[in-house]
Amino acid sequence: MGKSTHRISSEVKQDILKRVKEQGVPVIQAAKEHGVHESTIYNWLGKGVEGQPTLAELVKLKRENQMLLGLVGELTVKLSGAQKKSW
């Protein structure tokens, strides 16, 4: 018997990749839910790494970076205040 294949629509593929990359859904879970082999999803993910990041990915990273810098700033102020009190 030959290998049976069925084509996954681009909408379903994009949904799977979005869930894995943005929502943190494990590949094994997404594969089971959609009836796709795990290695297929890993191949899709690998192909996406070769290209440039999308504008949406850059905006998301910039937003996360700003949030993290704010948290570091807050923690720095709290730590310096705590050190002054201990002197």
C-alpha atoms as a PDB file:
ATOM      1  CA  MET A   1       0.000   0.000   0.000  1.00  0.00           C
ATOM      2  CA  GLY A   2       1.158   3.498  -0.768  1.00  0.00           C
ATOM      3  CA  LYS A   3       1.427   6.367   1.580  1.00  0.00           C
ATOM      4  CA  SER A   4      -1.925   8.113   1.945  1.00  0.00           C
ATOM      5  CA  THR A   5      -1.822  11.873   1.881  1.00  0.00           C
ATOM      6  CA  HIS A   6      -4.416  14.527   2.227  1.00  0.00           C
ATOM      7  CA  ARG A   7      -3.942  18.182   1.631  1.00  0.00           C
ATOM      8  CA  ILE A   8      -4.326  20.571   4.544  1.00  0.00           C
ATOM      9  CA  SER A   9      -5.932  23.875   3.604  1.00  0.00           C
ATOM     10  CA  SER A  10      -3.760  26.944   4.033  1.00  0.00           C
ATOM     11  CA  GLU A  11      -6.297  28.339   6.515  1.00  0.00           C
ATOM     12  CA  VAL A  12      -5.996  25.271   8.755  1.00  0.00           C
ATOM     13  CA  LYS A  13      -2.207  25.315   8.412  1.00  0.00           C
ATOM     14  CA  GLN A  14      -2.060  28.982   9.410  1.00  0.00           C
ATOM     15  CA  ASP A  15      -4.408  28.318  12.343  1.00  0.00           C
ATOM     16  CA  ILE A  16      -2.198  25.479  13.583  1.00  0.00           C
ATOM     17  CA  LEU A  17       0.968  27.554  13.260  1.00  0.00           C
ATOM     18  CA  LYS A  18      -0.648  30.528  15.001  1.00  0.00           C
ATOM     19  CA  ARG A  19      -1.795  28.361  17.908  1.00  0.00           C
ATOM     20  CA  VAL A  20       1.664  26.826  18.292  1.00  0.00           C
ATOM     21  CA  LYS A  21       3.706  30.024  17.868  1.00  0.00           C
ATOM     22  CA  GLU A  22       1.500  32.651  19.508  1.00  0.00           C
ATOM     23  CA  GLN A  23      -0.676  30.744  21.956  1.00  0.00           C
ATOM     24  CA  GLY A  24       1.917  28.202  23.064  1.00  0.00           C
ATOM     25  CA  VAL A  25      -0.153  25.124  22.181  1.00  0.00           C
ATOM     26  CA  PRO A  26       2.168  22.076  22.188  1.00  0.00           C
ATOM     27  CA  VAL A  27       2.857  20.629  18.731  1.00  0.00           C
ATOM     28  CA  ILE A  28       1.697  17.180  19.851  1.00  0.00           C
ATOM     29  CA  GLN A  29      -1.661  18.594  20.974  1.00  0.00           C
ATOM     30  CA  ALA A  30      -2.205  20.564  17.754  1.00  0.00           C
ATOM     31  CA  ALA A  31      -1.238  17.510  15.700  1.00  0.00           C
ATOM     32  CA  LYS A  32      -3.749  15.275  17.462  1.00  0.00           C
ATOM     33  CA  GLU A  33      -6.544  17.852  17.266  1.00  0.00           C
ATOM     34  CA  HIS A  34      -6.097  18.341  13.520  1.00  0.00           C
ATOM     35  CA  GLY A  35      -5.121  14.814  12.499  1.00  0.00           C
ATOM     36  CA  VAL A  36      -1.704  15.931  11.269  1.00  0.00           C
ATOM     37  CA  HIS A  37       1.594  14.220  12.044  1.00  0.00           C
ATOM     38  CA  GLU A  38       3.874  16.118  14.425  1.00  0.00           C
ATOM     39  CA  SER A  39       6.757  16.074  11.959  1.00  0.00           C
ATOM     40  CA  THR A  40       4.562  17.871   9.418  1.00  0.00           C
ATOM     41  CA  ILE A  41       4.002  20.743  11.850  1.00  0.00           C
ATOM     42  CA  TYR A  42       7.715  20.860  12.706  1.00  0.00           C
ATOM     43  CA  ASN A  43       8.485  21.056   8.960  1.00  0.00           C
ATOM     44  CA  TRP A  44       6.064  23.983   8.598  1.00  0.00           C
ATOM     45  CA  LEU A  45       7.677  25.714  11.566  1.00  0.00           C
ATOM     46  CA  GLY A  46      11.151  25.144  10.121  1.00  0.00           C
ATOM     47  CA  LYS A  47      10.193  26.613   6.772  1.00  0.00           C
ATOM     48  CA  GLY A  48       8.891  29.727   8.493  1.00  0.00           C
ATOM     49  CA  VAL A  49      12.235  30.303  10.193  1.00  0.00           C
ATOM     50  CA  GLU A  50      14.068  30.826   6.916  1.00  0.00           C
ATOM     51  CA  GLY A  51      12.237  34.000   5.933  1.00  0.00           C
ATOM     52  CA  GLN A  52      12.133  37.456   7.409  1.00  0.00           C
ATOM     53  CA  PRO A  53       9.879  38.013  10.419  1.00  0.00           C
ATOM     54  CA  THR A  54       6.465  39.383   9.583  1.00  0.00           C
ATOM     55  CA  LEU A  55       5.452  42.889  10.565  1.00  0.00           C
ATOM     56  CA  ALA A  56       3.049  41.427  13.129  1.00  0.00           C
ATOM     57  CA  GLU A  57       5.884  39.411  14.710  1.00  0.00           C
ATOM     58  CA  LEU A  58       8.094  42.509  14.881  1.00  0.00           C
ATOM     59  CA  VAL A  59       5.329  44.588  16.463  1.00  0.00           C
ATOM     60  CA  LYS A  60       4.666  41.844  19.017  1.00  0.00           C
ATOM     61  CA  LEU A  61       8.362  41.588  19.897  1.00  0.00           C
ATOM     62  CA  LYS A  62       8.678  45.358  20.227  1.00  0.00           C
ATOM     63  CA  ARG A  63       5.663  45.469  22.543  1.00  0.00           C
ATOM     64  CA  GLU A  64       7.044  42.619  24.663  1.00  0.00           C
ATOM     65  CA  ASN A  65      10.446  44.303  24.793  1.00  0.00           C
ATOM     66  CA  GLN A  66       8.905  47.580  26.031  1.00  0.00           C
ATOM     67  CA  MET A  67       6.923  45.708  28.681  1.00  0.00           C
ATOM     68  CA  LEU A  68      10.019  43.859  29.892  1.00  0.00           C
ATOM     69  CA  LEU A  69      12.083  47.050  30.003  1.00  0.00           C
ATOM     70  CA  GLY A  70       9.340  48.629  32.123  1.00  0.00           C
ATOM     71  CA  LEU A  71       9.398  45.689  34.519  1.00  0.00           C
ATOM     72  CA  VAL A  72      13.195  45.854  34.789  1.00  0.00           C
ATOM     73  CA  GLY A  73      12.927  49.561  35.548  1.00  0.00           C
ATOM     74  CA  GLU A  74      10.328  48.989  38.274  1.00  0.00           C
ATOM     75  CA  LEU A  75      12.389  46.219  39.852  1.00  0.00           C
ATOM     76  CA  THR A  76      15.527  48.367  39.739  1.00  0.00           C
ATOM     77  CA  VAL A  77      13.754  51.201  41.575  1.00  0.00           C
ATOM     78  CA  LYS A  78      12.378  48.800  44.195  1.00  0.00           C
ATOM     79  CA  LEU A  79      15.782  47.177  44.743  1.00  0.00           C
ATOM     80  CA  SER A  80      17.590  50.494  45.053  1.00  0.00           C
ATOM     81  CA  GLY A  81      14.963  51.669  47.566  1.00  0.00           C
ATOM     82  CA  ALA A  82      15.375  48.491  49.594  1.00  0.00           C
ATOM     83  CA  GLN A  83      19.160  48.851  49.604  1.00  0.00           C
ATOM     84  CA  LYS A  84      18.935  52.465  50.827  1.00  0.00           C
ATOM     85  CA  LYS A  85      16.675  51.394  53.711  1.00  0.00           C
ATOM     86  CA  SER A  86      19.131  48.684  54.781  1.00  0.00           C
ATOM     87  CA  TRP A  87      22.030  51.140  55.082  1.00  0.00           C
END
